[in-house]
Amino acid sequence: LNRQQYKASQLGLKKAQALKDNLLEINPYLHIVAHSDRITE
């Protein structure tokens, strides 16, 4: 919370979904694809 764009109320949530929710508050008409996956080659 000291540097990332999340809220105290979102503790424990998956970052991809939490950030998606925050972005849709800014612009509800964005197309957002959220993946809660570890990236590999």
PDB file of all heavy atoms in Angstrom:
ATOM      1  N   LEU A   1       0.799  -1.228   0.000  1.00  0.00           N
ATOM      2  CA  LEU A   1       0.000   0.000   0.000  1.00  0.00           C
ATOM      3  C   LEU A   1       0.829   1.274   0.000  1.00  0.00           C
ATOM      4  O   LEU A   1       0.296   2.351  -0.274  1.00  0.00           O
ATOM      5  CB  LEU A   1      -0.957   0.001   1.202  1.00  0.00           C
ATOM      6  CG  LEU A   1      -1.968  -1.163   1.248  1.00  0.00           C
ATOM      7  CD1 LEU A   1      -2.877  -1.015   2.456  1.00  0.00           C
ATOM      8  CD2 LEU A   1      -2.796  -1.227  -0.036  1.00  0.00           C
ATOM      9  N   ASN A   2       2.137   1.177   0.261  1.00  0.00           N
ATOM     10  CA  ASN A   2       2.944   2.397   0.284  1.00  0.00           C
ATOM     11  C   ASN A   2       3.291   2.910  -1.107  1.00  0.00           C
ATOM     12  O   ASN A   2       3.786   4.022  -1.266  1.00  0.00           O
ATOM     13  CB  ASN A   2       4.245   2.181   1.083  1.00  0.00           C
ATOM     14  CG  ASN A   2       5.306   1.426   0.304  1.00  0.00           C
ATOM     15  OD1 ASN A   2       4.993   0.477  -0.409  1.00  0.00           O
ATOM     16  ND2 ASN A   2       6.549   1.821   0.445  1.00  0.00           N
ATOM     17  N   ARG A   3       3.035   2.107  -2.160  1.00  0.00           N
ATOM     18  CA  ARG A   3       3.441   2.549  -3.498  1.00  0.00           C
ATOM     19  C   ARG A   3       2.568   1.988  -4.621  1.00  0.00           C
ATOM     20  O   ARG A   3       2.736   2.382  -5.773  1.00  0.00           O
ATOM     21  CB  ARG A   3       4.906   2.161  -3.767  1.00  0.00           C
ATOM     22  CG  ARG A   3       5.111   0.663  -3.872  1.00  0.00           C
ATOM     23  CD  ARG A   3       6.553   0.242  -3.796  1.00  0.00           C
ATOM     24  NE  ARG A   3       6.703  -1.209  -3.988  1.00  0.00           N
ATOM     25  CZ  ARG A   3       6.459  -2.114  -3.043  1.00  0.00           C
ATOM     26  NH1 ARG A   3       6.052  -1.744  -1.844  1.00  0.00           N
ATOM     27  NH2 ARG A   3       6.632  -3.398  -3.302  1.00  0.00           N
ATOM     28  N   GLN A   4       1.670   1.077  -4.322  1.00  0.00           N
ATOM     29  CA  GLN A   4       0.884   0.428  -5.358  1.00  0.00           C
ATOM     30  C   GLN A   4      -0.555   0.934  -5.335  1.00  0.00           C
ATOM     31  O   GLN A   4      -1.060   1.343  -4.289  1.00  0.00           O
ATOM     32  CB  GLN A   4       0.928  -1.087  -5.180  1.00  0.00           C
ATOM     33  CG  GLN A   4       2.351  -1.637  -5.225  1.00  0.00           C
ATOM     34  CD  GLN A   4       2.424  -3.141  -5.105  1.00  0.00           C
ATOM     35  OE1 GLN A   4       1.431  -3.847  -5.292  1.00  0.00           O
ATOM     36  NE2 GLN A   4       3.602  -3.664  -4.801  1.00  0.00           N
ATOM     37  N   GLN A   5      -1.212   0.875  -6.480  1.00  0.00           N
ATOM     38  CA  GLN A   5      -2.536   1.478  -6.642  1.00  0.00           C
ATOM     39  C   GLN A   5      -3.663   0.542  -6.194  1.00  0.00           C
ATOM     40  O   GLN A   5      -4.549   0.180  -6.966  1.00  0.00           O
ATOM     41  CB  GLN A   5      -2.734   1.916  -8.091  1.00  0.00           C
ATOM     42  CG  GLN A   5      -1.851   3.075  -8.507  1.00  0.00           C
ATOM     43  CD  GLN A   5      -2.198   4.362  -7.783  1.00  0.00           C
ATOM     44  OE1 GLN A   5      -3.313   4.553  -7.314  1.00  0.00           O
ATOM     45  NE2 GLN A   5      -1.239   5.270  -7.700  1.00  0.00           N
ATOM     46  N   TYR A   6      -3.590   0.176  -4.908  1.00  0.00           N
ATOM     47  CA  TYR A   6      -4.637  -0.637  -4.300  1.00  0.00           C
ATOM     48  C   TYR A   6      -5.124   0.050  -3.035  1.00  0.00           C
ATOM     49  O   TYR A   6      -4.512   1.003  -2.543  1.00  0.00           O
ATOM     50  CB  TYR A   6      -4.113  -2.052  -3.994  1.00  0.00           C
ATOM     51  CG  TYR A   6      -3.607  -2.768  -5.214  1.00  0.00           C
ATOM     52  CD1 TYR A   6      -2.235  -2.876  -5.461  1.00  0.00           C
ATOM     53  CD2 TYR A   6      -4.492  -3.283  -6.144  1.00  0.00           C
ATOM     54  CE1 TYR A   6      -1.763  -3.502  -6.600  1.00  0.00           C
ATOM     55  CE2 TYR A   6      -4.028  -3.918  -7.291  1.00  0.00           C
ATOM     56  CZ  TYR A   6      -2.671  -4.019  -7.525  1.00  0.00           C
ATOM     57  OH  TYR A   6      -2.218  -4.619  -8.657  1.00  0.00           O
ATOM     58  N   LYS A   7      -6.225  -0.449  -2.482  1.00  0.00           N
ATOM     59  CA  LYS A   7      -6.827   0.129  -1.291  1.00  0.00           C
ATOM     60  C   LYS A   7      -6.735  -0.860  -0.135  1.00  0.00           C
ATOM     61  O   LYS A   7      -6.649  -2.075  -0.335  1.00  0.00           O
ATOM     62  CB  LYS A   7      -8.299   0.448  -1.571  1.00  0.00           C
ATOM     63  CG  LYS A   7      -8.537   1.271  -2.831  1.00  0.00           C
ATOM     64  CD  LYS A   7     -10.016   1.291  -3.180  1.00  0.00           C
ATOM     65  CE  LYS A   7     -10.258   1.934  -4.527  1.00  0.00           C
ATOM     66  NZ  LYS A   7     -11.690   1.882  -4.917  1.00  0.00           N
ATOM     67  N   ALA A   8      -6.786  -0.323   1.080  1.00  0.00           N
ATOM     68  CA  ALA A   8      -6.763  -1.188   2.256  1.00  0.00           C
ATOM     69  C   ALA A   8      -7.923  -2.176   2.236  1.00  0.00           C
ATOM     70  O   ALA A   8      -7.796  -3.311   2.720  1.00  0.00           O
ATOM     71  CB  ALA A   8      -6.796  -0.340   3.528  1.00  0.00           C
ATOM     72  N   SER A   9      -9.031  -1.771   1.652  1.00  0.00           N
ATOM     73  CA  SER A   9     -10.197  -2.655   1.578  1.00  0.00           C
ATOM     74  C   SER A   9      -9.995  -3.824   0.620  1.00  0.00           C
ATOM     75  O   SER A   9     -10.799  -4.760   0.598  1.00  0.00           O
ATOM     76  CB  SER A   9     -11.430  -1.860   1.142  1.00  0.00           C
ATOM     77  OG  SER A   9     -11.232  -1.300  -0.142  1.00  0.00           O
ATOM     78  N   GLN A  10      -8.915  -3.787  -0.172  1.00  0.00           N
ATOM     79  CA  GLN A  10      -8.663  -4.844  -1.160  1.00  0.00           C
ATOM     80  C   GLN A  10      -7.609  -5.847  -0.701  1.00  0.00           C
ATOM     81  O   GLN A  10      -7.220  -6.717  -1.478  1.00  0.00           O
ATOM     82  CB  GLN A  10      -8.231  -4.214  -2.491  1.00  0.00           C
ATOM     83  CG  GLN A  10      -9.328  -3.400  -3.157  1.00  0.00           C
ATOM     84  CD  GLN A  10      -8.861  -2.748  -4.441  1.00  0.00           C
ATOM     85  OE1 GLN A  10      -7.795  -2.128  -4.487  1.00  0.00           O
ATOM     86  NE2 GLN A  10      -9.652  -2.884  -5.495  1.00  0.00           N
ATOM     87  N   LEU A  11      -7.157  -5.746   0.528  1.00  0.00           N
ATOM     88  CA  LEU A  11      -6.152  -6.690   1.021  1.00  0.00           C
ATOM     89  C   LEU A  11      -6.647  -8.131   0.859  1.00  0.00           C
ATOM     90  O   LEU A  11      -7.782  -8.456   1.196  1.00  0.00           O
ATOM     91  CB  LEU A  11      -5.836  -6.407   2.488  1.00  0.00           C
ATOM     92  CG  LEU A  11      -5.134  -5.087   2.803  1.00  0.00           C
ATOM     93  CD1 LEU A  11      -4.937  -4.938   4.305  1.00  0.00           C
ATOM     94  CD2 LEU A  11      -3.808  -4.988   2.067  1.00  0.00           C
ATOM     95  N   GLY A  12      -5.767  -8.971   0.338  1.00  0.00           N
ATOM     96  CA  GLY A  12      -6.090 -10.374   0.139  1.00  0.00           C
ATOM     97  C   GLY A  12      -6.681 -10.700  -1.222  1.00  0.00           C
ATOM     98  O   GLY A  12      -6.724 -11.872  -1.607  1.00  0.00           O
ATOM     99  N   LEU A  13      -7.126  -9.687  -1.949  1.00  0.00           N
ATOM    100  CA  LEU A  13      -7.686  -9.934  -3.277  1.00  0.00           C
ATOM    101  C   LEU A  13      -6.574 -10.170  -4.287  1.00  0.00           C
ATOM    102  O   LEU A  13      -5.453  -9.690  -4.130  1.00  0.00           O
ATOM    103  CB  LEU A  13      -8.537  -8.750  -3.731  1.00  0.00           C
ATOM    104  CG  LEU A  13      -9.757  -8.396  -2.876  1.00  0.00           C
ATOM    105  CD1 LEU A  13     -10.486  -7.191  -3.477  1.00  0.00           C
ATOM    106  CD2 LEU A  13     -10.704  -9.577  -2.752  1.00  0.00           C
ATOM    107  N   LYS A  14      -6.893 -10.900  -5.343  1.00  0.00           N
ATOM    108  CA  LYS A  14      -5.938 -11.069  -6.431  1.00  0.00           C
ATOM    109  C   LYS A  14      -5.698  -9.716  -7.094  1.00  0.00           C
ATOM    110  O   LYS A  14      -6.640  -8.975  -7.380  1.00  0.00           O
ATOM    111  CB  LYS A  14      -6.462 -12.090  -7.440  1.00  0.00           C
ATOM    112  CG  LYS A  14      -6.497 -13.501  -6.880  1.00  0.00           C
ATOM    113  CD  LYS A  14      -6.952 -14.503  -7.928  1.00  0.00           C
ATOM    114  CE  LYS A  14      -6.902 -15.925  -7.371  1.00  0.00           C
ATOM    115  NZ  LYS A  14      -7.343 -16.924  -8.370  1.00  0.00           N
ATOM    116  N   LYS A  15      -4.436  -9.403  -7.336  1.00  0.00           N
ATOM    117  CA  LYS A  15      -4.094  -8.088  -7.864  1.00  0.00           C
ATOM    118  C   LYS A  15      -4.744  -7.810  -9.217  1.00  0.00           C
ATOM    119  O   LYS A  15      -5.187  -6.681  -9.481  1.00  0.00           O
ATOM    120  CB  LYS A  15      -2.580  -7.943  -7.980  1.00  0.00           C
ATOM    121  CG  LYS A  15      -1.884  -7.723  -6.654  1.00  0.00           C
ATOM    122  CD  LYS A  15      -0.403  -7.459  -6.853  1.00  0.00           C
ATOM    123  CE  LYS A  15       0.266  -7.146  -5.520  1.00  0.00           C
ATOM    124  NZ  LYS A  15       1.712  -6.882  -5.677  1.00  0.00           N
ATOM    125  N   ALA A  16      -4.777  -8.804 -10.087  1.00  0.00           N
ATOM    126  CA  ALA A  16      -5.333  -8.582 -11.422  1.00  0.00           C
ATOM    127  C   ALA A  16      -6.790  -8.139 -11.346  1.00  0.00           C
ATOM    128  O   ALA A  16      -7.210  -7.203 -12.040  1.00  0.00           O
ATOM    129  CB  ALA A  16      -5.197  -9.844 -12.267  1.00  0.00           C
ATOM    130  N   GLN A  17      -7.573  -8.785 -10.503  1.00  0.00           N
ATOM    131  CA  GLN A  17      -8.984  -8.433 -10.385  1.00  0.00           C
ATOM    132  C   GLN A  17      -9.156  -7.119  -9.628  1.00  0.00           C
ATOM    133  O   GLN A  17      -9.997  -6.286  -9.983  1.00  0.00           O
ATOM    134  CB  GLN A  17      -9.758  -9.539  -9.675  1.00  0.00           C
ATOM    135  CG  GLN A  17     -11.261  -9.302  -9.626  1.00  0.00           C
ATOM    136  CD  GLN A  17     -11.880  -9.145 -10.996  1.00  0.00           C
ATOM    137  OE1 GLN A  17     -11.669  -9.996 -11.877  1.00  0.00           O
ATOM    138  NE2 GLN A  17     -12.642  -8.077 -11.216  1.00  0.00           N
ATOM    139  N   ALA A  18      -8.368  -6.912  -8.563  1.00  0.00           N
ATOM    140  CA  ALA A  18      -8.477  -5.683  -7.781  1.00  0.00           C
ATOM    141  C   ALA A  18      -8.136  -4.464  -8.636  1.00  0.00           C
ATOM    142  O   ALA A  18      -8.828  -3.435  -8.582  1.00  0.00           O
ATOM    143  CB  ALA A  18      -7.561  -5.748  -6.564  1.00  0.00           C
ATOM    144  N   LEU A  19      -7.071  -4.567  -9.437  1.00  0.00           N
ATOM    145  CA  LEU A  19      -6.693  -3.448 -10.291  1.00  0.00           C
ATOM    146  C   LEU A  19      -7.728  -3.217 -11.386  1.00  0.00           C
ATOM    147  O   LEU A  19      -8.048  -2.073 -11.725  1.00  0.00           O
ATOM    148  CB  LEU A  19      -5.312  -3.689 -10.898  1.00  0.00           C
ATOM    149  CG  LEU A  19      -4.734  -2.531 -11.709  1.00  0.00           C
ATOM    150  CD1 LEU A  19      -4.640  -1.265 -10.869  1.00  0.00           C
ATOM    151  CD2 LEU A  19      -3.368  -2.899 -12.272  1.00  0.00           C
ATOM    152  N   LYS A  20      -8.267  -4.303 -11.929  1.00  0.00           N
ATOM    153  CA  LYS A  20      -9.340  -4.169 -12.914  1.00  0.00           C
ATOM    154  C   LYS A  20     -10.496  -3.367 -12.333  1.00  0.00           C
ATOM    155  O   LYS A  20     -11.023  -2.449 -12.986  1.00  0.00           O
ATOM    156  CB  LYS A  20      -9.827  -5.541 -13.375  1.00  0.00           C
ATOM    157  CG  LYS A  20     -10.987  -5.471 -14.361  1.00  0.00           C
ATOM    158  CD  LYS A  20     -11.416  -6.877 -14.812  1.00  0.00           C
ATOM    159  CE  LYS A  20     -12.598  -6.795 -15.777  1.00  0.00           C
ATOM    160  NZ  LYS A  20     -13.004  -8.142 -16.269  1.00  0.00           N
ATOM    161  N   ASP A  21     -10.900  -3.687 -11.114  1.00  0.00           N
ATOM    162  CA  ASP A  21     -11.994  -2.963 -10.469  1.00  0.00           C
ATOM    163  C   ASP A  21     -11.666  -1.484 -10.317  1.00  0.00           C
ATOM    164  O   ASP A  21     -12.512  -0.614 -10.579  1.00  0.00           O
ATOM    165  CB  ASP A  21     -12.286  -3.567  -9.087  1.00  0.00           C
ATOM    166  CG  ASP A  21     -12.849  -4.980  -9.168  1.00  0.00           C
ATOM    167  OD1 ASP A  21     -13.342  -5.370 -10.240  1.00  0.00           O
ATOM    168  OD2 ASP A  21     -12.795  -5.687  -8.143  1.00  0.00           O
ATOM    169  N   ASN A  22     -10.432  -1.179  -9.918  1.00  0.00           N
ATOM    170  CA  ASN A  22     -10.033   0.211  -9.732  1.00  0.00           C
ATOM    171  C   ASN A  22     -10.008   0.980 -11.051  1.00  0.00           C
ATOM    172  O   ASN A  22     -10.408   2.144 -11.118  1.00  0.00           O
ATOM    173  CB  ASN A  22      -8.661   0.286  -9.059  1.00  0.00           C
ATOM    174  CG  ASN A  22      -8.694  -0.236  -7.632  1.00  0.00           C
ATOM    175  OD1 ASN A  22      -9.760  -0.390  -7.040  1.00  0.00           O
ATOM    176  ND2 ASN A  22      -7.526  -0.523  -7.080  1.00  0.00           N
ATOM    177  N   LEU A  23      -9.535   0.321 -12.109  1.00  0.00           N
ATOM    178  CA  LEU A  23      -9.473   0.974 -13.418  1.00  0.00           C
ATOM    179  C   LEU A  23     -10.867   1.255 -13.972  1.00  0.00           C
ATOM    180  O   LEU A  23     -11.095   2.291 -14.614  1.00  0.00           O
ATOM    181  CB  LEU A  23      -8.683   0.108 -14.401  1.00  0.00           C
ATOM    182  CG  LEU A  23      -7.204  -0.096 -14.077  1.00  0.00           C
ATOM    183  CD1 LEU A  23      -6.586  -1.052 -15.079  1.00  0.00           C
ATOM    184  CD2 LEU A  23      -6.462   1.220 -14.058  1.00  0.00           C
ATOM    185  N   LEU A  24     -11.789   0.341 -13.728  1.00  0.00           N
ATOM    186  CA  LEU A  24     -13.157   0.547 -14.229  1.00  0.00           C
ATOM    187  C   LEU A  24     -13.881   1.651 -13.473  1.00  0.00           C
ATOM    188  O   LEU A  24     -14.861   2.208 -13.975  1.00  0.00           O
ATOM    189  CB  LEU A  24     -13.937  -0.765 -14.163  1.00  0.00           C
ATOM    190  CG  LEU A  24     -13.477  -1.836 -15.153  1.00  0.00           C
ATOM    191  CD1 LEU A  24     -14.250  -3.132 -14.950  1.00  0.00           C
ATOM    192  CD2 LEU A  24     -13.639  -1.354 -16.602  1.00  0.00           C
ATOM    193  N   GLU A  25     -13.394   1.996 -12.286  1.00  0.00           N
ATOM    194  CA  GLU A  25     -13.932   3.165 -11.601  1.00  0.00           C
ATOM    195  C   GLU A  25     -13.471   4.449 -12.284  1.00  0.00           C
ATOM    196  O   GLU A  25     -14.175   5.466 -12.271  1.00  0.00           O
ATOM    197  CB  GLU A  25     -13.495   3.176 -10.137  1.00  0.00           C
ATOM    198  CG  GLU A  25     -14.175   2.114  -9.280  1.00  0.00           C
ATOM    199  CD  GLU A  25     -13.813   2.255  -7.814  1.00  0.00           C
ATOM    200  OE1 GLU A  25     -13.498   3.391  -7.384  1.00  0.00           O
ATOM    201  OE2 GLU A  25     -13.835   1.241  -7.104  1.00  0.00           O
ATOM    202  N   ILE A  26     -12.287   4.404 -12.878  1.00  0.00           N
ATOM    203  CA  ILE A  26     -11.751   5.557 -13.605  1.00  0.00           C
ATOM    204  C   ILE A  26     -12.402   5.675 -14.977  1.00  0.00           C
ATOM    205  O   ILE A  26     -12.826   6.754 -15.388  1.00  0.00           O
ATOM    206  CB  ILE A  26     -10.227   5.429 -13.751  1.00  0.00           C
ATOM    207  CG1 ILE A  26      -9.562   5.507 -12.374  1.00  0.00           C
ATOM    208  CG2 ILE A  26      -9.662   6.482 -14.691  1.00  0.00           C
ATOM    209  CD1 ILE A  26      -8.092   5.162 -12.381  1.00  0.00           C
ATOM    210  N   ASN A  27     -12.460   4.563 -15.690  1.00  0.00           N
ATOM    211  CA  ASN A  27     -13.056   4.546 -17.030  1.00  0.00           C
ATOM    212  C   ASN A  27     -13.859   3.257 -17.184  1.00  0.00           C
ATOM    213  O   ASN A  27     -13.295   2.197 -17.461  1.00  0.00           O
ATOM    214  CB  ASN A  27     -11.969   4.623 -18.107  1.00  0.00           C
ATOM    215  CG  ASN A  27     -12.549   4.711 -19.507  1.00  0.00           C
ATOM    216  OD1 ASN A  27     -13.728   4.439 -19.727  1.00  0.00           O
ATOM    217  ND2 ASN A  27     -11.724   5.098 -20.471  1.00  0.00           N
ATOM    218  N   PRO A  28     -15.165   3.331 -16.982  1.00  0.00           N
ATOM    219  CA  PRO A  28     -15.990   2.114 -17.006  1.00  0.00           C
ATOM    220  C   PRO A  28     -16.126   1.479 -18.380  1.00  0.00           C
ATOM    221  O   PRO A  28     -16.700   0.397 -18.497  1.00  0.00           O
ATOM    222  CB  PRO A  28     -17.345   2.612 -16.497  1.00  0.00           C
ATOM    223  CG  PRO A  28     -17.361   4.068 -16.795  1.00  0.00           C
ATOM    224  CD  PRO A  28     -15.941   4.537 -16.653  1.00  0.00           C
ATOM    225  N   TYR A  29     -15.578   2.116 -19.412  1.00  0.00           N
ATOM    226  CA  TYR A  29     -15.752   1.594 -20.769  1.00  0.00           C
ATOM    227  C   TYR A  29     -14.464   0.987 -21.326  1.00  0.00           C
ATOM    228  O   TYR A  29     -14.403   0.642 -22.505  1.00  0.00           O
ATOM    229  CB  TYR A  29     -16.265   2.705 -21.678  1.00  0.00           C
ATOM    230  CG  TYR A  29     -17.518   3.324 -21.107  1.00  0.00           C
ATOM    231  CD1 TYR A  29     -17.491   4.591 -20.532  1.00  0.00           C
ATOM    232  CD2 TYR A  29     -18.729   2.617 -21.077  1.00  0.00           C
ATOM    233  CE1 TYR A  29     -18.637   5.149 -19.974  1.00  0.00           C
ATOM    234  CE2 TYR A  29     -19.873   3.165 -20.511  1.00  0.00           C
ATOM    235  CZ  TYR A  29     -19.820   4.431 -19.957  1.00  0.00           C
ATOM    236  OH  TYR A  29     -20.953   4.972 -19.394  1.00  0.00           O
ATOM    237  N   LEU A  30     -13.463   0.833 -20.474  1.00  0.00           N
ATOM    238  CA  LEU A  30     -12.256   0.133 -20.889  1.00  0.00           C
ATOM    239  C   LEU A  30     -12.543  -1.344 -21.125  1.00  0.00           C
ATOM    240  O   LEU A  30     -13.409  -1.928 -20.468  1.00  0.00           O
ATOM    241  CB  LEU A  30     -11.187   0.227 -19.797  1.00  0.00           C
ATOM    242  CG  LEU A  30     -10.456   1.547 -19.593  1.00  0.00           C
ATOM    243  CD1 LEU A  30      -9.571   1.449 -18.361  1.00  0.00           C
ATOM    244  CD2 LEU A  30      -9.615   1.889 -20.805  1.00  0.00           C
ATOM    245  N   HIS A  31     -11.793  -1.940 -22.017  1.00  0.00           N
ATOM    246  CA  HIS A  31     -11.810  -3.398 -22.164  1.00  0.00           C
ATOM    247  C   HIS A  31     -10.595  -3.919 -21.421  1.00  0.00           C
ATOM    248  O   HIS A  31      -9.452  -3.616 -21.791  1.00  0.00           O
ATOM    249  CB  HIS A  31     -11.760  -3.802 -23.634  1.00  0.00           C
ATOM    250  CG  HIS A  31     -11.766  -5.284 -23.834  1.00  0.00           C
ATOM    251  ND1 HIS A  31     -10.971  -5.913 -24.751  1.00  0.00           N
ATOM    252  CD2 HIS A  31     -12.456  -6.261 -23.202  1.00  0.00           C
ATOM    253  CE1 HIS A  31     -11.170  -7.223 -24.692  1.00  0.00           C
ATOM    254  NE2 HIS A  31     -12.072  -7.449 -23.763  1.00  0.00           N
ATOM    255  N   ILE A  32     -10.820  -4.660 -20.361  1.00  0.00           N
ATOM    256  CA  ILE A  32      -9.724  -5.150 -19.528  1.00  0.00           C
ATOM    257  C   ILE A  32      -9.767  -6.676 -19.470  1.00  0.00           C
ATOM    258  O   ILE A  32     -10.801  -7.267 -19.163  1.00  0.00           O
ATOM    259  CB  ILE A  32      -9.813  -4.582 -18.103  1.00  0.00           C
ATOM    260  CG1 ILE A  32      -9.741  -3.046 -18.140  1.00  0.00           C
ATOM    261  CG2 ILE A  32      -8.688  -5.142 -17.233  1.00  0.00           C
ATOM    262  CD1 ILE A  32      -9.891  -2.396 -16.788  1.00  0.00           C
ATOM    263  N   VAL A  33      -8.625  -7.282 -19.773  1.00  0.00           N
ATOM    264  CA  VAL A  33      -8.458  -8.725 -19.640  1.00  0.00           C
ATOM    265  C   VAL A  33      -7.539  -8.958 -18.455  1.00  0.00           C
ATOM    266  O   VAL A  33      -6.386  -8.504 -18.456  1.00  0.00           O
ATOM    267  CB  VAL A  33      -7.855  -9.329 -20.923  1.00  0.00           C
ATOM    268  CG1 VAL A  33      -7.700 -10.835 -20.765  1.00  0.00           C
ATOM    269  CG2 VAL A  33      -8.709  -8.992 -22.139  1.00  0.00           C
ATOM    270  N   ALA A  34      -8.037  -9.622 -17.424  1.00  0.00           N
ATOM    271  CA  ALA A  34      -7.264  -9.832 -16.200  1.00  0.00           C
ATOM    272  C   ALA A  34      -6.868 -11.299 -16.072  1.00  0.00           C
ATOM    273  O   ALA A  34      -7.729 -12.184 -16.073  1.00  0.00           O
ATOM    274  CB  ALA A  34      -8.072  -9.389 -14.985  1.00  0.00           C
ATOM    275  N   HIS A  35      -5.559 -11.544 -15.950  1.00  0.00           N
ATOM    276  CA  HIS A  35      -5.039 -12.902 -15.789  1.00  0.00           C
ATOM    277  C   HIS A  35      -4.339 -13.018 -14.436  1.00  0.00           C
ATOM    278  O   HIS A  35      -3.346 -12.326 -14.192  1.00  0.00           O
ATOM    279  CB  HIS A  35      -4.022 -13.240 -16.878  1.00  0.00           C
ATOM    280  CG  HIS A  35      -4.579 -13.283 -18.259  1.00  0.00           C
ATOM    281  ND1 HIS A  35      -5.497 -14.233 -18.667  1.00  0.00           N
ATOM    282  CD2 HIS A  35      -4.341 -12.480 -19.345  1.00  0.00           C
ATOM    283  CE1 HIS A  35      -5.790 -14.025 -19.945  1.00  0.00           C
ATOM    284  NE2 HIS A  35      -5.108 -12.977 -20.369  1.00  0.00           N
ATOM    285  N   SER A  36      -4.824 -13.881 -13.573  1.00  0.00           N
ATOM    286  CA  SER A  36      -4.163 -14.146 -12.286  1.00  0.00           C
ATOM    287  C   SER A  36      -3.243 -15.353 -12.448  1.00  0.00           C
ATOM    288  O   SER A  36      -3.428 -16.404 -11.829  1.00  0.00           O
ATOM    289  CB  SER A  36      -5.204 -14.384 -11.194  1.00  0.00           C
ATOM    290  OG  SER A  36      -5.980 -13.228 -10.978  1.00  0.00           O
ATOM    291  N   ASP A  37      -2.246 -15.191 -13.296  1.00  0.00           N
ATOM    292  CA  ASP A  37      -1.339 -16.283 -13.641  1.00  0.00           C
ATOM    293  C   ASP A  37       0.104 -15.842 -13.472  1.00  0.00           C
ATOM    294  O   ASP A  37       0.432 -14.657 -13.630  1.00  0.00           O
ATOM    295  CB  ASP A  37      -1.546 -16.712 -15.100  1.00  0.00           C
ATOM    296  CG  ASP A  37      -2.924 -17.260 -15.370  1.00  0.00           C
ATOM    297  OD1 ASP A  37      -3.183 -18.398 -14.965  1.00  0.00           O
ATOM    298  OD2 ASP A  37      -3.745 -16.537 -15.976  1.00  0.00           O
ATOM    299  N   ARG A  38       0.979 -16.795 -13.196  1.00  0.00           N
ATOM    300  CA  ARG A  38       2.422 -16.541 -13.206  1.00  0.00           C
ATOM    301  C   ARG A  38       2.912 -16.662 -14.641  1.00  0.00           C
ATOM    302  O   ARG A  38       2.694 -17.687 -15.305  1.00  0.00           O
ATOM    303  CB  ARG A  38       3.153 -17.545 -12.315  1.00  0.00           C
ATOM    304  CG  ARG A  38       4.642 -17.246 -12.161  1.00  0.00           C
ATOM    305  CD  ARG A  38       5.343 -18.366 -11.406  1.00  0.00           C
ATOM    306  NE  ARG A  38       4.893 -18.456 -10.037  1.00  0.00           N
ATOM    307  CZ  ARG A  38       5.438 -17.777  -9.026  1.00  0.00           C
ATOM    308  NH1 ARG A  38       6.442 -16.956  -9.251  1.00  0.00           N
ATOM    309  NH2 ARG A  38       4.968 -17.931  -7.794  1.00  0.00           N
ATOM    310  N   ILE A  39       3.584 -15.654 -15.125  1.00  0.00           N
ATOM    311  CA  ILE A  39       4.045 -15.653 -16.508  1.00  0.00           C
ATOM    312  C   ILE A  39       5.263 -16.555 -16.660  1.00  0.00           C
ATOM    313  O   ILE A  39       6.205 -16.495 -15.868  1.00  0.00           O
ATOM    314  CB  ILE A  39       4.396 -14.220 -16.954  1.00  0.00           C
ATOM    315  CG1 ILE A  39       3.142 -13.340 -16.958  1.00  0.00           C
ATOM    316  CG2 ILE A  39       5.037 -14.224 -18.337  1.00  0.00           C
ATOM    317  CD1 ILE A  39       3.425 -11.895 -17.256  1.00  0.00           C
ATOM    318  N   THR A  40       5.225 -17.380 -17.690  1.00  0.00           N
ATOM    319  CA  THR A  40       6.358 -18.214 -18.051  1.00  0.00           C
ATOM    320  C   THR A  40       6.652 -18.012 -19.532  1.00  0.00           C
ATOM    321  O   THR A  40       5.848 -17.424 -20.268  1.00  0.00           O
ATOM    322  CB  THR A  40       6.064 -19.703 -17.798  1.00  0.00           C
ATOM    323  OG1 THR A  40       5.008 -20.128 -18.699  1.00  0.00           O
ATOM    324  CG2 THR A  40       5.620 -19.939 -16.357  1.00  0.00           C
ATOM    325  N   GLU A  41       7.776 -18.516 -19.958  1.00  0.00           N
ATOM    326  CA  GLU A  41       8.104 -18.426 -21.372  1.00  0.00           C
ATOM    327  C   GLU A  41       7.079 -19.181 -22.215  1.00  0.00           C
ATOM    328  O   GLU A  41       6.780 -18.793 -23.349  1.00  0.00           O
ATOM    329  CB  GLU A  41       9.507 -18.984 -21.619  1.00  0.00           C
ATOM    330  CG  GLU A  41      10.026 -18.755 -23.028  1.00  0.00           C
ATOM    331  CD  GLU A  41      11.468 -19.170 -23.179  1.00  0.00           C
ATOM    332  OE1 GLU A  41      12.114 -19.526 -22.178  1.00  0.00           O
ATOM    333  OE2 GLU A  41      11.964 -19.133 -24.335  1.00  0.00           O
TER     334      GLU A  41
END
